[in-house]
N, C-alpha and C. Protein backbone atom coordinates (compact mmCIF):
# COMPACT_ATOMS: atom_id res chain seq x y z
N UNK A 1 213.04 90.02 52.93
CA UNK A 1 211.62 90.09 52.55
C UNK A 1 211.32 91.32 51.69
N UNK A 2 211.90 92.47 52.09
CA UNK A 2 211.67 93.69 51.32
C UNK A 2 212.16 93.55 49.88
N UNK A 3 213.34 92.90 49.73
CA UNK A 3 213.90 92.71 48.39
C UNK A 3 212.96 91.86 47.54
N UNK A 4 212.37 90.84 48.15
CA UNK A 4 211.43 89.97 47.43
C UNK A 4 210.18 90.74 47.01
N UNK A 5 209.67 91.56 47.92
CA UNK A 5 208.45 92.33 47.64
C UNK A 5 208.69 93.44 46.63
N UNK A 6 209.92 93.91 46.53
CA UNK A 6 210.25 94.98 45.59
C UNK A 6 210.60 94.43 44.20
N UNK A 7 210.67 93.13 44.07
CA UNK A 7 210.95 92.51 42.79
C UNK A 7 209.88 92.87 41.77
N UNK A 8 210.26 93.02 40.50
CA UNK A 8 209.30 93.40 39.46
C UNK A 8 208.18 92.38 39.30
N UNK A 9 208.47 91.13 39.63
CA UNK A 9 207.47 90.07 39.46
C UNK A 9 206.46 90.03 40.59
N UNK A 10 206.72 90.76 41.70
CA UNK A 10 205.86 90.66 42.88
C UNK A 10 204.43 91.13 42.61
N UNK A 11 204.29 92.28 41.94
CA UNK A 11 202.95 92.80 41.68
C UNK A 11 202.14 91.89 40.75
N UNK A 12 202.72 91.42 39.64
CA UNK A 12 201.96 90.46 38.81
C UNK A 12 201.54 89.20 39.56
N UNK A 13 202.40 88.72 40.46
CA UNK A 13 202.07 87.52 41.24
C UNK A 13 200.89 87.81 42.17
N UNK A 14 200.94 88.95 42.85
CA UNK A 14 199.84 89.33 43.75
C UNK A 14 198.55 89.53 42.95
N UNK A 15 198.66 90.12 41.77
CA UNK A 15 197.50 90.32 40.90
C UNK A 15 196.86 88.98 40.53
N UNK A 16 197.67 88.03 40.10
CA UNK A 16 197.16 86.72 39.70
C UNK A 16 196.56 85.97 40.88
N UNK A 17 197.21 86.05 42.04
CA UNK A 17 196.67 85.39 43.24
C UNK A 17 195.32 86.00 43.63
N UNK A 18 195.20 87.32 43.49
CA UNK A 18 193.95 88.00 43.84
C UNK A 18 192.83 87.65 42.86
N UNK A 19 193.21 87.31 41.64
CA UNK A 19 192.24 86.97 40.61
C UNK A 19 191.81 85.49 40.67
N UNK A 20 192.57 84.68 41.39
CA UNK A 20 192.27 83.25 41.45
C UNK A 20 190.85 82.92 41.94
N UNK A 21 190.35 83.57 43.01
CA UNK A 21 188.98 83.25 43.44
C UNK A 21 187.94 83.47 42.35
N UNK A 22 188.10 84.56 41.59
CA UNK A 22 187.17 84.83 40.49
C UNK A 22 187.30 83.77 39.40
N UNK A 23 188.54 83.41 39.06
CA UNK A 23 188.76 82.39 38.03
C UNK A 23 188.14 81.06 38.46
N UNK A 24 188.28 80.76 39.74
CA UNK A 24 187.72 79.51 40.27
C UNK A 24 186.19 79.53 40.19
N UNK A 25 185.57 80.66 40.47
CA UNK A 25 184.11 80.78 40.38
C UNK A 25 183.64 80.66 38.93
N UNK A 26 184.38 81.28 38.01
CA UNK A 26 184.02 81.18 36.58
C UNK A 26 184.14 79.73 36.12
N UNK A 27 185.21 79.08 36.53
CA UNK A 27 185.41 77.67 36.19
C UNK A 27 184.27 76.82 36.75
N UNK A 28 183.91 77.08 38.00
CA UNK A 28 182.82 76.33 38.63
C UNK A 28 181.49 76.55 37.93
N UNK A 29 181.27 77.78 37.46
CA UNK A 29 180.01 78.09 36.75
C UNK A 29 179.92 77.32 35.44
N UNK A 30 181.04 77.16 34.75
CA UNK A 30 181.04 76.48 33.45
C UNK A 30 181.10 74.95 33.58
N UNK A 31 181.47 74.46 34.76
CA UNK A 31 181.60 73.01 34.93
C UNK A 31 180.58 72.44 35.91
N UNK A 32 179.55 73.26 36.23
CA UNK A 32 178.52 72.84 37.19
C UNK A 32 179.11 72.45 38.54
N UNK A 33 180.08 73.23 38.98
CA UNK A 33 180.75 72.92 40.25
C UNK A 33 180.36 73.83 41.39
N UNK A 34 179.25 74.55 41.25
CA UNK A 34 178.85 75.51 42.29
C UNK A 34 177.66 75.03 43.12
N UNK A 35 177.39 73.75 43.09
CA UNK A 35 176.33 73.21 43.94
C UNK A 35 174.97 73.27 43.29
N UNK A 36 173.96 72.99 44.13
CA UNK A 36 172.59 72.90 43.63
C UNK A 36 172.01 74.26 43.24
N UNK A 37 172.52 75.32 43.87
CA UNK A 37 172.02 76.67 43.58
C UNK A 37 173.21 77.57 43.21
N UNK A 38 173.68 77.49 41.96
CA UNK A 38 174.86 78.26 41.55
C UNK A 38 174.73 79.77 41.73
N UNK A 39 173.53 80.30 41.49
CA UNK A 39 173.32 81.75 41.61
C UNK A 39 173.57 82.21 43.05
N UNK A 40 172.96 81.50 44.00
CA UNK A 40 173.16 81.85 45.41
C UNK A 40 174.62 81.69 45.80
N UNK A 41 175.25 80.64 45.29
CA UNK A 41 176.67 80.40 45.61
C UNK A 41 177.53 81.56 45.13
N UNK A 42 177.29 82.03 43.91
CA UNK A 42 178.06 83.14 43.36
C UNK A 42 177.87 84.42 44.18
N UNK A 43 176.63 84.69 44.55
CA UNK A 43 176.34 85.89 45.34
C UNK A 43 177.06 85.83 46.68
N UNK A 44 176.94 84.70 47.36
CA UNK A 44 177.56 84.57 48.69
C UNK A 44 179.09 84.58 48.58
N UNK A 45 179.63 83.85 47.60
CA UNK A 45 181.09 83.75 47.48
C UNK A 45 181.74 85.09 47.16
N UNK A 46 181.14 85.85 46.25
CA UNK A 46 181.72 87.16 45.91
C UNK A 46 181.60 88.14 47.08
N UNK A 47 180.52 88.02 47.86
CA UNK A 47 180.40 88.83 49.07
C UNK A 47 181.47 88.46 50.08
N UNK A 48 181.71 87.17 50.25
CA UNK A 48 182.76 86.71 51.18
C UNK A 48 184.12 87.24 50.76
N UNK A 49 184.41 87.18 49.47
CA UNK A 49 185.73 87.63 49.01
C UNK A 49 185.88 89.14 49.12
N UNK A 50 184.79 89.87 49.00
CA UNK A 50 184.85 91.31 49.23
C UNK A 50 185.29 91.60 50.66
N UNK A 51 184.66 90.92 51.61
CA UNK A 51 184.98 91.13 53.02
C UNK A 51 186.41 90.68 53.33
N UNK A 52 186.83 89.59 52.71
CA UNK A 52 188.20 89.11 52.92
C UNK A 52 189.23 90.12 52.42
N UNK A 53 188.97 90.68 51.26
CA UNK A 53 189.92 91.66 50.72
C UNK A 53 189.92 92.95 51.54
N UNK A 54 188.79 93.33 52.09
CA UNK A 54 188.77 94.49 52.99
C UNK A 54 189.63 94.22 54.22
N UNK A 55 189.55 93.00 54.75
CA UNK A 55 190.38 92.63 55.89
C UNK A 55 191.86 92.66 55.52
N UNK A 56 192.18 92.17 54.32
CA UNK A 56 193.57 92.16 53.86
C UNK A 56 194.09 93.59 53.71
N UNK A 57 193.27 94.47 53.14
CA UNK A 57 193.67 95.87 52.98
C UNK A 57 193.94 96.52 54.34
N UNK A 58 193.06 96.27 55.29
CA UNK A 58 193.24 96.84 56.63
C UNK A 58 194.46 96.24 57.34
N UNK A 59 194.86 95.05 56.94
CA UNK A 59 195.99 94.38 57.59
C UNK A 59 197.34 94.83 57.04
N UNK A 60 197.36 95.50 55.89
CA UNK A 60 198.63 95.85 55.25
C UNK A 60 199.48 96.73 56.16
N UNK A 61 198.91 97.81 56.68
CA UNK A 61 199.71 98.73 57.51
C UNK A 61 200.19 98.08 58.80
N UNK A 62 199.33 97.39 59.57
CA UNK A 62 199.85 96.71 60.77
C UNK A 62 200.97 95.72 60.46
N UNK A 63 200.81 94.94 59.40
CA UNK A 63 201.86 93.99 59.02
C UNK A 63 203.14 94.71 58.59
N UNK A 64 202.96 95.80 57.86
CA UNK A 64 204.12 96.58 57.41
C UNK A 64 204.92 97.12 58.58
N UNK A 65 204.21 97.62 59.60
CA UNK A 65 204.88 98.20 60.77
C UNK A 65 205.48 97.12 61.67
N UNK A 66 204.69 96.09 61.96
CA UNK A 66 205.15 95.06 62.90
C UNK A 66 206.28 94.21 62.34
N UNK A 67 206.26 93.96 61.03
CA UNK A 67 207.31 93.14 60.42
C UNK A 67 208.44 93.97 59.82
N UNK A 68 208.29 95.29 59.89
CA UNK A 68 209.28 96.22 59.35
C UNK A 68 209.57 95.92 57.87
N UNK A 69 208.47 95.81 57.11
CA UNK A 69 208.58 95.58 55.67
C UNK A 69 207.79 96.67 54.94
N UNK A 70 208.38 97.85 54.78
CA UNK A 70 207.66 98.96 54.13
C UNK A 70 207.22 98.65 52.70
N UNK A 71 207.85 97.68 52.05
CA UNK A 71 207.50 97.35 50.67
C UNK A 71 206.08 96.81 50.55
N UNK A 72 205.49 96.36 51.66
CA UNK A 72 204.11 95.88 51.62
C UNK A 72 203.14 96.96 51.16
N UNK A 73 203.49 98.21 51.43
CA UNK A 73 202.58 99.32 51.10
C UNK A 73 202.32 99.41 49.60
N UNK A 74 203.23 98.92 48.77
CA UNK A 74 203.05 99.04 47.32
C UNK A 74 201.92 98.17 46.78
N UNK A 75 201.41 97.25 47.60
CA UNK A 75 200.33 96.37 47.17
C UNK A 75 198.96 96.82 47.66
N UNK A 76 198.92 97.82 48.53
CA UNK A 76 197.67 98.18 49.19
C UNK A 76 196.61 98.68 48.21
N UNK A 77 197.00 99.52 47.27
CA UNK A 77 196.02 100.05 46.32
C UNK A 77 195.46 98.94 45.42
N UNK A 78 196.33 98.05 44.97
CA UNK A 78 195.87 96.94 44.14
C UNK A 78 194.87 96.06 44.89
N UNK A 79 195.18 95.77 46.14
CA UNK A 79 194.29 94.94 46.95
C UNK A 79 192.96 95.66 47.20
N UNK A 80 193.02 96.98 47.39
CA UNK A 80 191.78 97.74 47.56
C UNK A 80 190.93 97.72 46.31
N UNK A 81 191.57 97.79 45.14
CA UNK A 81 190.82 97.72 43.89
C UNK A 81 190.21 96.33 43.68
N UNK A 82 190.88 95.30 44.18
CA UNK A 82 190.29 93.96 44.08
C UNK A 82 189.09 93.83 45.01
N UNK A 83 189.13 94.50 46.16
CA UNK A 83 187.95 94.51 47.03
C UNK A 83 186.78 95.14 46.29
N UNK A 84 187.05 96.22 45.55
CA UNK A 84 186.00 96.88 44.77
C UNK A 84 185.54 95.99 43.62
N UNK A 85 186.47 95.31 42.99
CA UNK A 85 186.12 94.40 41.89
C UNK A 85 185.15 93.31 42.39
N UNK A 86 185.47 92.72 43.52
CA UNK A 86 184.61 91.64 44.02
C UNK A 86 183.26 92.15 44.50
N UNK A 87 183.21 93.38 45.05
CA UNK A 87 181.90 93.90 45.46
C UNK A 87 181.06 94.24 44.23
N UNK A 88 181.71 94.66 43.13
CA UNK A 88 180.97 94.91 41.88
C UNK A 88 180.39 93.62 41.33
N UNK A 89 181.18 92.56 41.35
CA UNK A 89 180.69 91.25 40.88
C UNK A 89 179.57 90.76 41.80
N UNK A 90 179.71 91.00 43.09
CA UNK A 90 178.69 90.63 44.07
C UNK A 90 177.37 91.34 43.77
N UNK A 91 177.46 92.65 43.53
CA UNK A 91 176.27 93.44 43.24
C UNK A 91 175.64 93.03 41.91
N UNK A 92 176.47 92.80 40.90
CA UNK A 92 175.96 92.37 39.60
C UNK A 92 175.31 90.99 39.67
N UNK A 93 175.88 90.11 40.47
CA UNK A 93 175.30 88.77 40.64
C UNK A 93 173.93 88.86 41.28
N UNK A 94 173.82 89.70 42.31
CA UNK A 94 172.52 89.92 42.98
C UNK A 94 171.52 90.53 42.00
N UNK A 95 171.95 91.57 41.28
CA UNK A 95 171.05 92.26 40.36
C UNK A 95 170.59 91.37 39.22
N UNK A 96 171.48 90.53 38.72
CA UNK A 96 171.14 89.67 37.57
C UNK A 96 170.37 88.42 38.00
N UNK A 97 170.90 87.69 38.96
CA UNK A 97 170.30 86.40 39.33
C UNK A 97 169.07 86.53 40.22
N UNK A 98 169.12 87.48 41.17
CA UNK A 98 167.99 87.64 42.09
C UNK A 98 166.90 88.54 41.52
N UNK A 99 167.30 89.58 40.78
CA UNK A 99 166.35 90.61 40.39
C UNK A 99 166.17 90.74 38.88
N UNK A 100 166.86 89.92 38.09
CA UNK A 100 166.70 89.97 36.64
C UNK A 100 167.05 91.30 36.02
N UNK A 101 167.93 92.06 36.68
CA UNK A 101 168.36 93.39 36.21
C UNK A 101 167.21 94.38 36.03
N UNK A 102 166.14 94.18 36.80
CA UNK A 102 165.02 95.15 36.82
C UNK A 102 165.39 96.27 37.79
N UNK A 103 165.82 97.39 37.26
CA UNK A 103 166.35 98.46 38.10
C UNK A 103 165.32 98.98 39.10
N UNK A 104 164.08 99.08 38.68
CA UNK A 104 163.03 99.54 39.59
C UNK A 104 162.85 98.59 40.76
N UNK A 105 162.84 97.30 40.46
CA UNK A 105 162.69 96.30 41.52
C UNK A 105 163.91 96.26 42.43
N UNK A 106 165.08 96.46 41.84
CA UNK A 106 166.31 96.49 42.65
C UNK A 106 166.26 97.65 43.63
N UNK A 107 165.84 98.83 43.13
CA UNK A 107 165.74 100.02 44.01
C UNK A 107 164.75 99.79 45.14
N UNK A 108 163.62 99.16 44.83
CA UNK A 108 162.61 98.86 45.86
C UNK A 108 163.17 97.88 46.89
N UNK A 109 163.90 96.88 46.41
CA UNK A 109 164.45 95.86 47.30
C UNK A 109 165.50 96.44 48.23
N UNK A 110 166.32 97.35 47.68
CA UNK A 110 167.35 98.01 48.51
C UNK A 110 166.69 98.82 49.62
N UNK A 111 165.64 99.55 49.26
CA UNK A 111 164.94 100.38 50.24
C UNK A 111 164.17 99.55 51.26
N UNK A 112 163.71 98.38 50.85
CA UNK A 112 162.84 97.56 51.71
C UNK A 112 163.62 96.71 52.69
N UNK A 113 164.78 96.20 52.29
CA UNK A 113 165.51 95.26 53.13
C UNK A 113 166.77 95.92 53.70
N UNK A 114 166.82 96.12 55.03
CA UNK A 114 167.93 96.84 55.65
C UNK A 114 169.30 96.24 55.36
N UNK A 115 169.42 94.92 55.33
CA UNK A 115 170.74 94.33 55.14
C UNK A 115 171.27 94.60 53.73
N UNK A 116 170.37 94.71 52.75
CA UNK A 116 170.79 95.05 51.40
C UNK A 116 171.12 96.54 51.32
N UNK A 117 170.36 97.37 52.02
CA UNK A 117 170.64 98.81 52.06
C UNK A 117 172.03 99.07 52.64
N UNK A 118 172.37 98.35 53.71
CA UNK A 118 173.68 98.51 54.34
C UNK A 118 174.79 98.08 53.38
N UNK A 119 174.59 96.94 52.72
CA UNK A 119 175.58 96.47 51.76
C UNK A 119 175.74 97.42 50.59
N UNK A 120 174.63 97.95 50.09
CA UNK A 120 174.69 98.89 48.97
C UNK A 120 175.38 100.19 49.41
N UNK A 121 175.14 100.61 50.64
CA UNK A 121 175.81 101.81 51.17
C UNK A 121 177.32 101.62 51.20
N UNK A 122 177.75 100.42 51.59
CA UNK A 122 179.19 100.12 51.60
C UNK A 122 179.76 100.21 50.19
N UNK A 123 179.02 99.71 49.20
CA UNK A 123 179.45 99.79 47.81
C UNK A 123 179.57 101.25 47.36
N UNK A 124 178.57 102.05 47.68
CA UNK A 124 178.58 103.47 47.29
C UNK A 124 179.79 104.18 47.90
N UNK A 125 180.07 103.91 49.18
CA UNK A 125 181.21 104.56 49.85
C UNK A 125 182.55 104.07 49.30
N UNK A 126 182.58 102.82 48.86
CA UNK A 126 183.83 102.27 48.33
C UNK A 126 184.15 102.81 46.94
N UNK A 127 183.12 103.24 46.22
CA UNK A 127 183.31 103.71 44.85
C UNK A 127 184.27 104.90 44.74
N UNK A 128 184.12 105.97 45.54
CA UNK A 128 185.09 107.07 45.43
C UNK A 128 186.51 106.67 45.85
N UNK A 129 186.63 105.68 46.72
CA UNK A 129 187.97 105.21 47.10
C UNK A 129 188.64 104.52 45.92
N UNK A 130 187.86 103.70 45.20
CA UNK A 130 188.41 103.04 44.01
C UNK A 130 188.74 104.06 42.93
N UNK A 131 187.87 105.05 42.78
CA UNK A 131 188.06 106.06 41.73
C UNK A 131 189.26 106.96 41.98
N UNK A 132 189.70 107.05 43.23
CA UNK A 132 190.83 107.92 43.57
C UNK A 132 192.08 107.13 43.96
N UNK A 133 192.14 105.87 43.57
CA UNK A 133 193.30 105.03 43.90
C UNK A 133 194.39 105.15 42.84
N UNK A 134 194.64 106.36 42.41
CA UNK A 134 195.65 106.59 41.37
C UNK A 134 196.45 107.84 41.73
N UNK A 135 197.68 107.90 41.24
CA UNK A 135 198.57 109.01 41.59
C UNK A 135 198.00 110.37 41.18
N UNK A 136 197.32 110.42 40.04
CA UNK A 136 196.73 111.70 39.60
C UNK A 136 195.67 112.19 40.57
N UNK A 137 194.89 111.23 41.11
CA UNK A 137 193.85 111.61 42.07
C UNK A 137 194.46 112.14 43.36
N UNK A 138 195.57 111.52 43.78
CA UNK A 138 196.25 111.99 45.00
C UNK A 138 196.75 113.42 44.80
N UNK A 139 197.32 113.70 43.63
CA UNK A 139 197.82 115.05 43.33
C UNK A 139 196.67 116.05 43.25
N UNK A 140 195.55 115.62 42.66
CA UNK A 140 194.41 116.53 42.50
C UNK A 140 193.76 116.86 43.84
N UNK A 141 193.64 115.85 44.69
CA UNK A 141 192.99 116.05 46.00
C UNK A 141 193.93 116.65 47.03
N UNK A 142 195.20 116.36 46.89
CA UNK A 142 196.16 116.71 47.94
C UNK A 142 196.26 115.54 48.91
N UNK A 143 197.45 115.30 49.42
CA UNK A 143 197.69 114.12 50.25
C UNK A 143 196.78 114.08 51.46
N UNK A 144 196.62 115.21 52.14
CA UNK A 144 195.82 115.24 53.36
C UNK A 144 194.37 114.88 53.10
N UNK A 145 193.75 115.49 52.08
CA UNK A 145 192.35 115.20 51.77
C UNK A 145 192.18 113.76 51.25
N UNK A 146 193.17 113.30 50.49
CA UNK A 146 193.12 111.92 49.97
C UNK A 146 193.16 110.93 51.13
N UNK A 147 194.04 111.17 52.10
CA UNK A 147 194.13 110.27 53.26
C UNK A 147 192.84 110.31 54.07
N UNK A 148 192.27 111.50 54.22
CA UNK A 148 191.01 111.62 54.96
C UNK A 148 189.89 110.85 54.27
N UNK A 149 189.80 110.98 52.95
CA UNK A 149 188.79 110.25 52.19
C UNK A 149 188.95 108.75 52.35
N UNK A 150 190.18 108.27 52.30
CA UNK A 150 190.42 106.83 52.33
C UNK A 150 190.29 106.24 53.74
N UNK A 151 190.11 107.08 54.73
CA UNK A 151 189.79 106.55 56.06
C UNK A 151 188.37 105.98 56.10
N UNK A 152 187.59 106.25 55.07
CA UNK A 152 186.25 105.66 54.95
C UNK A 152 186.29 104.14 54.91
N UNK A 153 187.47 103.58 54.62
CA UNK A 153 187.59 102.12 54.54
C UNK A 153 187.20 101.46 55.86
N UNK A 154 187.43 102.17 56.99
CA UNK A 154 187.05 101.61 58.29
C UNK A 154 185.54 101.50 58.40
N UNK A 155 184.82 102.56 57.99
CA UNK A 155 183.37 102.54 58.00
C UNK A 155 182.83 101.49 57.03
N UNK A 156 183.45 101.39 55.87
CA UNK A 156 183.03 100.42 54.86
C UNK A 156 183.16 99.00 55.39
N UNK A 157 184.27 98.71 56.05
CA UNK A 157 184.47 97.38 56.63
C UNK A 157 183.40 97.08 57.68
N UNK A 158 183.05 98.08 58.48
CA UNK A 158 181.99 97.90 59.49
C UNK A 158 180.64 97.64 58.85
N UNK A 159 180.33 98.38 57.79
CA UNK A 159 179.06 98.17 57.08
C UNK A 159 179.02 96.80 56.41
N UNK A 160 180.17 96.39 55.85
CA UNK A 160 180.24 95.06 55.24
C UNK A 160 180.01 93.97 56.26
N UNK A 161 180.57 94.16 57.45
CA UNK A 161 180.38 93.18 58.52
C UNK A 161 178.92 93.15 58.98
N UNK A 162 178.29 94.31 59.09
CA UNK A 162 176.89 94.37 59.48
C UNK A 162 176.00 93.71 58.42
N UNK A 163 176.30 93.96 57.17
CA UNK A 163 175.59 93.32 56.05
C UNK A 163 175.69 91.80 56.16
N UNK A 164 176.88 91.30 56.44
CA UNK A 164 177.12 89.86 56.57
C UNK A 164 176.37 89.29 57.78
N UNK A 165 176.37 90.06 58.89
CA UNK A 165 175.68 89.62 60.11
C UNK A 165 174.18 89.47 59.86
N UNK A 166 173.57 90.48 59.23
CA UNK A 166 172.13 90.43 58.98
C UNK A 166 171.77 89.32 57.99
N UNK A 167 172.68 89.10 57.04
CA UNK A 167 172.44 88.03 56.08
C UNK A 167 172.46 86.67 56.77
N UNK A 168 173.39 86.47 57.69
CA UNK A 168 173.49 85.20 58.40
C UNK A 168 172.44 85.06 59.51
N UNK A 169 171.84 86.19 59.93
CA UNK A 169 170.85 86.14 61.00
C UNK A 169 169.63 85.31 60.62
N UNK A 170 169.32 85.29 59.32
CA UNK A 170 168.18 84.51 58.86
C UNK A 170 168.34 83.03 59.10
N UNK A 171 169.59 82.56 59.11
CA UNK A 171 169.86 81.14 59.34
C UNK A 171 170.45 80.89 60.74
N UNK A 172 170.55 81.98 61.52
CA UNK A 172 171.11 81.88 62.87
C UNK A 172 172.50 81.23 62.85
N UNK A 173 173.30 81.63 61.87
CA UNK A 173 174.64 81.07 61.69
C UNK A 173 175.65 82.20 61.76
N UNK A 174 176.29 82.35 62.94
CA UNK A 174 177.15 83.50 63.16
C UNK A 174 178.62 83.15 63.32
N UNK A 175 178.99 81.89 63.07
CA UNK A 175 180.37 81.47 63.28
C UNK A 175 181.37 82.31 62.49
N UNK A 176 181.16 82.42 61.18
CA UNK A 176 182.07 83.21 60.35
C UNK A 176 181.97 84.69 60.66
N UNK A 177 180.79 85.15 61.03
CA UNK A 177 180.61 86.57 61.37
C UNK A 177 181.53 86.94 62.53
N UNK A 178 181.59 86.08 63.56
CA UNK A 178 182.43 86.36 64.72
C UNK A 178 183.91 86.36 64.34
N UNK A 179 184.29 85.50 63.40
CA UNK A 179 185.70 85.46 62.95
C UNK A 179 186.07 86.79 62.28
N UNK A 180 185.22 87.23 61.35
CA UNK A 180 185.48 88.51 60.68
C UNK A 180 185.43 89.67 61.66
N UNK A 181 184.49 89.62 62.59
CA UNK A 181 184.38 90.69 63.59
C UNK A 181 185.65 90.76 64.45
N UNK A 182 186.19 89.60 64.82
CA UNK A 182 187.41 89.57 65.63
C UNK A 182 188.59 90.12 64.84
N UNK A 183 188.69 89.76 63.56
CA UNK A 183 189.79 90.24 62.73
C UNK A 183 189.71 91.75 62.53
N UNK A 184 188.53 92.23 62.13
CA UNK A 184 188.36 93.67 61.90
C UNK A 184 188.53 94.45 63.20
N UNK A 185 187.98 93.91 64.31
CA UNK A 185 188.12 94.57 65.60
C UNK A 185 189.58 94.68 66.02
N UNK A 186 190.35 93.60 65.82
CA UNK A 186 191.77 93.61 66.19
C UNK A 186 192.55 94.61 65.34
N UNK A 187 192.24 94.66 64.04
CA UNK A 187 192.94 95.59 63.15
C UNK A 187 192.64 97.04 63.49
N UNK A 188 191.37 97.32 63.79
CA UNK A 188 191.00 98.69 64.16
C UNK A 188 191.58 99.07 65.51
N UNK A 189 191.62 98.11 66.44
CA UNK A 189 192.21 98.36 67.76
C UNK A 189 193.70 98.68 67.63
N UNK A 190 194.38 97.95 66.74
CA UNK A 190 195.81 98.22 66.53
C UNK A 190 196.01 99.62 65.98
N UNK A 191 195.18 100.01 65.03
CA UNK A 191 195.32 101.34 64.44
C UNK A 191 195.06 102.43 65.47
N UNK A 192 194.06 102.23 66.33
CA UNK A 192 193.77 103.21 67.38
C UNK A 192 194.95 103.30 68.35
N UNK A 193 195.49 102.16 68.74
CA UNK A 193 196.63 102.13 69.65
C UNK A 193 197.85 102.78 69.01
N UNK A 194 198.09 102.50 67.74
CA UNK A 194 199.24 103.06 67.03
C UNK A 194 199.11 104.58 66.93
N UNK A 195 197.90 105.06 66.62
CA UNK A 195 197.68 106.50 66.53
C UNK A 195 197.89 107.17 67.89
N UNK A 196 197.44 106.49 68.96
CA UNK A 196 197.61 107.05 70.31
C UNK A 196 199.07 107.12 70.71
N UNK A 197 199.84 106.07 70.41
CA UNK A 197 201.26 106.06 70.76
C UNK A 197 202.03 107.12 69.97
N UNK A 198 201.66 107.32 68.71
CA UNK A 198 202.32 108.37 67.92
C UNK A 198 202.02 109.75 68.49
N UNK A 199 200.73 109.94 68.85
CA UNK A 199 200.33 111.22 69.43
C UNK A 199 201.04 111.45 70.76
N UNK A 200 201.14 110.40 71.54
CA UNK A 200 201.82 110.49 72.85
C UNK A 200 203.30 110.82 72.66
N UNK A 201 203.93 110.21 71.66
CA UNK A 201 205.34 110.47 71.39
C UNK A 201 205.58 111.91 70.96
N UNK A 202 204.57 112.53 70.34
CA UNK A 202 204.70 113.92 69.91
C UNK A 202 204.45 114.89 71.06
N UNK A 203 203.48 114.53 71.91
CA UNK A 203 203.05 115.45 72.97
C UNK A 203 204.01 115.45 74.15
N UNK A 204 204.47 114.27 74.57
CA UNK A 204 205.30 114.18 75.78
C UNK A 204 206.59 115.00 75.72
N UNK A 205 207.37 114.92 74.63
CA UNK A 205 208.58 115.75 74.58
C UNK A 205 208.27 117.24 74.68
N UNK A 206 207.20 117.67 74.03
CA UNK A 206 206.83 119.09 74.08
C UNK A 206 206.42 119.48 75.49
N UNK A 207 205.68 118.60 76.17
CA UNK A 207 205.25 118.89 77.55
C UNK A 207 206.44 118.94 78.50
N UNK A 208 207.37 118.02 78.32
CA UNK A 208 208.55 118.02 79.17
C UNK A 208 209.40 119.25 78.96
N UNK A 209 209.53 119.68 77.70
CA UNK A 209 210.29 120.89 77.38
C UNK A 209 209.65 122.11 78.01
N UNK A 210 208.31 122.11 78.01
CA UNK A 210 207.58 123.24 78.59
C UNK A 210 207.79 123.29 80.11
N UNK A 211 207.78 122.12 80.73
CA UNK A 211 207.94 122.05 82.19
C UNK A 211 209.36 122.42 82.63
N UNK A 212 210.32 122.14 81.76
CA UNK A 212 211.71 122.39 82.14
C UNK A 212 212.09 123.87 82.05
N UNK A 213 211.22 124.66 81.46
CA UNK A 213 211.53 126.10 81.33
C UNK A 213 211.41 126.81 82.68
């Protein structure tokens, strides 16, 4: 598996697969395939794909560790940038189709409606992560500070989930919300458990050495 993931063609394939949902939406827009309300469909679909890519990004490390395929890590930044790409399209779709690109009205709407404020906050927090997803940024920030900054992805995923929950609350439709909540909850639980086991592995030998003196 590692050999396959390290192949030169692997990244272009992942790039094209990640771009397929957008291509499908563009095709649907030009062929009247987005239903009776294409604008609403585009807004909802791009929001869904943003949340899906956040879940995929959070899943990279657990999958890498559990399957012992370190080569998976080479796709994490690309997948994170696609999450940002889809949230940008989501925001632009909302601003153009719902608000006619009236910046004053958009600002009022963000301040007035909590679920939009939460979603916009997630976008704002995701922006510095996308802007620093390059080797030069890692060198400029230092590895430790870069890793600390990118831990914001956990908060962003939670805000995205809350945004989705409030959006679905209007229709009392929480089926998909619970699915995403279960996935994100499981991924965060794994990371907490993994961090605890690593900490325990570091502390126990030192404690035993201290006791043996």
